[in-house]
Amino acid sequence: MKTGIELIAEERQRQIEAEGWTAEHDKEEHAMGELALAASCYAMIPELRPSELPPSHWPWCGSWKPTPSDRIRELQKAGALIAAEIDRLQAEEEGEEAKTDETRTIESLPIKPLYKRMFEIILDEMNLDDVKNNTGLVRISNIFISADKVKQGGRVSVGVDEQTMIDLLNNEVVPLLILVNKNEYFKRKEL
């Protein structure tokens, strides 16, 4: 009989080989903690969850496949998903370490030329010339509205990460948001 660790390792290997769910795939597709959420659903005691419907925190539509009659199999899936989340986090950390070695500039950002120019104008007017490193980019990104926050009622984000900023700059509604935020910044500055 296999041990729990062996069963979990076997399931994780199956996920990678049969499904293609590698750490790189998970890093790109499941960066919001979905793997850990799914693991918690499988680990949940069957009596505490509805048998036909996924738990309310199940992260994926239509893919809930419980096997309440085989508790070991459910825990095997949960363990493999936790292992996958650990692999994803480690791959993410390795990617972040590689990024800190790079010099980041406006020119290196994958955004539309018009938005780059608007971004440069804002930077010039705000006299923030330290954008050649990640700290500068994060400081500048704080004037933008996060796409997620816009969807949730337009609240201003106070800490937009670089990828969100890039996504915002490539979004069609962002030029107006940039100008609104820029004008608000300078109104406050004049007071």
Protein backbone atom coordinates (compact mmCIF):
# COMPACT_ATOMS: atom_id res chain seq x y z
CA MET A 1 0.00 0.00 0.00
CA LYS A 2 1.28 3.47 -0.93
CA THR A 3 1.78 6.18 1.69
CA GLY A 4 -0.05 9.50 1.57
CA ILE A 5 3.04 11.29 0.26
CA GLU A 6 3.41 8.72 -2.53
CA LEU A 7 -0.26 9.08 -3.52
CA ILE A 8 0.01 12.88 -3.60
CA ALA A 9 3.23 12.77 -5.64
CA GLU A 10 1.60 10.31 -8.06
CA GLU A 11 -1.41 12.61 -8.55
CA ARG A 12 0.81 15.67 -9.01
CA GLN A 13 2.81 13.78 -11.63
CA ARG A 14 -0.43 12.81 -13.39
CA GLN A 15 -1.55 16.46 -13.40
CA ILE A 16 1.70 17.49 -15.06
CA GLU A 17 1.96 14.66 -17.60
CA ALA A 18 -1.70 14.02 -18.48
CA GLU A 19 -3.17 17.50 -18.04
CA GLY A 20 -0.16 19.72 -18.76
CA TRP A 21 -0.60 21.56 -15.46
CA THR A 22 3.04 22.51 -14.92
CA ALA A 23 4.28 25.21 -12.55
CA GLU A 24 4.67 27.54 -15.56
CA HIS A 25 1.08 26.88 -16.66
CA ASP A 26 -0.19 27.44 -13.13
CA LYS A 27 1.90 30.62 -12.77
CA GLU A 28 0.21 32.07 -15.84
CA GLU A 29 -3.32 30.72 -15.33
CA HIS A 30 -3.86 30.47 -11.57
CA ALA A 31 -2.13 33.41 -9.91
CA MET A 32 -5.06 34.29 -7.64
CA GLY A 33 -4.85 31.34 -5.24
CA GLU A 34 -7.26 29.10 -7.15
CA LEU A 35 -5.16 26.00 -6.55
CA ALA A 36 -5.25 26.44 -2.77
CA LEU A 37 -8.99 27.16 -2.89
CA ALA A 38 -9.63 24.00 -4.91
CA ALA A 39 -7.48 22.01 -2.49
CA SER A 40 -9.54 23.28 0.44
CA CYS A 41 -12.74 22.16 -1.32
CA TYR A 42 -11.45 18.63 -1.80
CA ALA A 43 -10.12 18.54 1.76
CA MET A 44 -13.47 19.65 3.18
CA ILE A 45 -15.37 16.95 5.06
CA PRO A 46 -18.06 15.65 2.63
CA GLU A 47 -20.81 16.04 5.24
CA LEU A 48 -20.14 19.79 5.37
CA ARG A 49 -20.63 20.43 1.66
CA PRO A 50 -23.48 19.80 -0.76
CA SER A 51 -22.81 16.65 -2.76
CA GLU A 52 -24.02 17.84 -6.17
CA LEU A 53 -22.94 21.49 -6.14
CA PRO A 54 -19.41 22.77 -5.69
CA PRO A 55 -18.62 24.62 -2.45
CA SER A 56 -19.13 28.38 -2.68
CA HIS A 57 -15.37 28.99 -2.87
CA TRP A 58 -14.74 26.49 -5.70
CA PRO A 59 -12.64 28.53 -8.18
CA TRP A 60 -13.67 27.01 -11.53
CA CYS A 61 -17.06 26.76 -13.22
CA GLY A 62 -18.31 23.34 -14.15
CA SER A 63 -15.28 21.30 -13.18
CA TRP A 64 -16.29 20.09 -9.71
CA LYS A 65 -15.75 16.32 -9.60
CA PRO A 66 -16.16 15.16 -6.01
CA THR A 67 -15.73 11.54 -5.05
CA PRO A 68 -17.23 11.48 -1.54
CA SER A 69 -17.25 7.69 -1.58
CA ASP A 70 -13.43 7.72 -1.96
CA ARG A 71 -12.15 10.05 0.75
CA ILE A 72 -8.53 9.07 0.14
CA ARG A 73 -8.84 10.09 -3.54
CA GLU A 74 -10.24 13.50 -2.56
CA LEU A 75 -7.40 14.07 -0.10
CA GLN A 76 -4.93 12.92 -2.74
CA LYS A 77 -6.30 15.61 -5.10
CA ALA A 78 -6.17 18.20 -2.29
CA GLY A 79 -2.55 17.35 -1.50
CA ALA A 80 -1.54 17.48 -5.17
CA LEU A 81 -3.23 20.88 -5.55
CA ILE A 82 -1.34 22.20 -2.51
CA ALA A 83 1.90 20.87 -4.04
CA ALA A 84 0.96 22.60 -7.31
CA GLU A 85 0.37 25.88 -5.46
CA ILE A 86 3.78 25.58 -3.79
CA ASP A 87 5.39 24.89 -7.19
CA ARG A 88 3.56 27.92 -8.65
CA LEU A 89 4.67 30.21 -5.83
CA GLN A 90 8.27 29.06 -6.19
CA ALA A 91 8.17 29.63 -9.97
CA GLU A 92 6.70 33.08 -9.32
CA GLU A 93 9.47 33.91 -6.82
CA GLU A 94 12.13 32.79 -9.30
CA GLY A 95 10.55 35.06 -11.93
CA GLU A 96 10.49 38.01 -9.51
CA GLU A 97 14.14 37.50 -8.63
CA ALA A 98 15.03 37.57 -12.33
CA LYS A 99 13.01 40.77 -12.83
CA THR A 100 14.81 42.66 -10.07
CA ASP A 101 18.07 42.18 -11.96
CA GLU A 102 16.66 43.94 -15.02
CA THR A 103 16.58 47.69 -15.54
CA ARG A 104 12.97 48.64 -16.21
CA THR A 105 12.11 51.72 -18.27
CA ILE A 106 8.98 53.09 -19.87
CA GLU A 107 10.33 51.94 -23.22
CA SER A 108 10.56 48.36 -21.96
CA LEU A 109 6.88 48.20 -20.97
CA PRO A 110 4.62 46.32 -23.42
CA ILE A 111 2.10 49.14 -23.85
CA LYS A 112 0.73 51.11 -26.80
CA PRO A 113 2.91 54.04 -28.00
CA LEU A 114 0.20 56.66 -27.34
CA TYR A 115 -0.14 55.50 -23.74
CA LYS A 116 3.63 55.45 -23.31
CA ARG A 117 3.71 59.09 -24.36
CA MET A 118 0.90 60.01 -21.95
CA PHE A 119 2.72 58.14 -19.21
CA GLU A 120 5.96 60.05 -19.99
CA ILE A 121 4.12 63.40 -19.85
CA ILE A 122 2.65 62.57 -16.46
CA LEU A 123 6.05 61.50 -15.17
CA ASP A 124 7.69 64.68 -16.44
CA GLU A 125 5.05 66.92 -14.90
CA MET A 126 5.21 65.11 -11.57
CA ASN A 127 9.03 65.34 -11.56
CA LEU A 128 9.39 61.68 -10.80
CA ASP A 129 12.53 60.69 -12.63
CA ASP A 130 13.31 57.44 -10.82
CA VAL A 131 11.36 55.22 -13.21
CA LYS A 132 14.43 53.31 -14.28
CA ASN A 133 13.81 50.84 -11.50
CA ASN A 134 10.84 48.88 -10.24
CA THR A 135 10.30 51.21 -7.28
CA GLY A 136 9.67 54.13 -9.60
CA LEU A 137 7.23 52.13 -11.68
CA VAL A 138 5.28 51.07 -8.61
CA ARG A 139 5.20 54.68 -7.31
CA ILE A 140 3.87 55.92 -10.62
CA SER A 141 1.34 53.13 -10.91
CA ASN A 142 -0.34 54.38 -7.74
CA ILE A 143 -2.12 57.11 -9.71
CA PHE A 144 -3.98 54.58 -11.86
CA ILE A 145 -7.28 52.89 -11.19
CA SER A 146 -7.05 49.11 -10.94
CA ALA A 147 -9.10 47.24 -13.55
CA ASP A 148 -10.56 45.00 -10.85
CA LYS A 149 -11.56 47.99 -8.76
CA VAL A 150 -13.21 49.66 -11.78
CA LYS A 151 -15.33 46.54 -12.26
CA GLN A 152 -16.28 46.67 -8.57
CA GLY A 153 -17.51 50.26 -8.57
CA GLY A 154 -14.65 52.50 -9.62
CA ARG A 155 -12.76 52.78 -6.35
CA VAL A 156 -9.19 54.01 -6.60
CA SER A 157 -6.47 51.47 -5.99
CA VAL A 158 -3.56 52.45 -3.75
CA GLY A 159 -1.08 49.84 -4.89
CA VAL A 160 -1.40 48.71 -8.49
CA ASP A 161 1.27 46.22 -9.46
CA GLU A 162 3.28 46.55 -12.66
CA GLN A 163 1.32 43.94 -14.65
CA THR A 164 -2.00 45.56 -13.72
CA MET A 165 -0.59 48.94 -14.76
CA ILE A 166 0.46 47.49 -18.13
CA ASP A 167 -3.00 45.95 -18.56
CA LEU A 168 -4.57 49.30 -17.66
CA LEU A 169 -2.43 51.16 -20.14
CA ASN A 170 -3.48 48.76 -22.89
CA ASN A 171 -7.16 49.02 -21.98
CA GLU A 172 -9.24 51.28 -24.23
CA VAL A 173 -10.78 53.31 -21.37
CA VAL A 174 -7.53 54.06 -19.60
CA PRO A 175 -6.51 57.32 -21.35
CA LEU A 176 -9.51 59.07 -19.82
CA LEU A 177 -8.79 57.59 -16.39
CA ILE A 178 -5.17 58.68 -16.64
CA LEU A 179 -6.16 62.24 -17.52
CA VAL A 180 -8.74 62.40 -14.73
CA ASN A 181 -6.21 61.17 -12.17
CA LYS A 182 -3.51 63.49 -13.53
CA ASN A 183 -5.82 66.52 -13.30
CA GLU A 184 -6.89 65.58 -9.77
CA TYR A 185 -3.24 65.24 -8.76
CA PHE A 186 -2.38 68.71 -10.02
CA LYS A 187 -5.51 70.29 -8.50
CA ARG A 188 -4.45 68.96 -5.09
CA LYS A 189 -0.88 70.07 -5.72
CA GLU A 190 -1.98 73.68 -6.45
CA LEU A 191 -4.03 73.95 -3.23
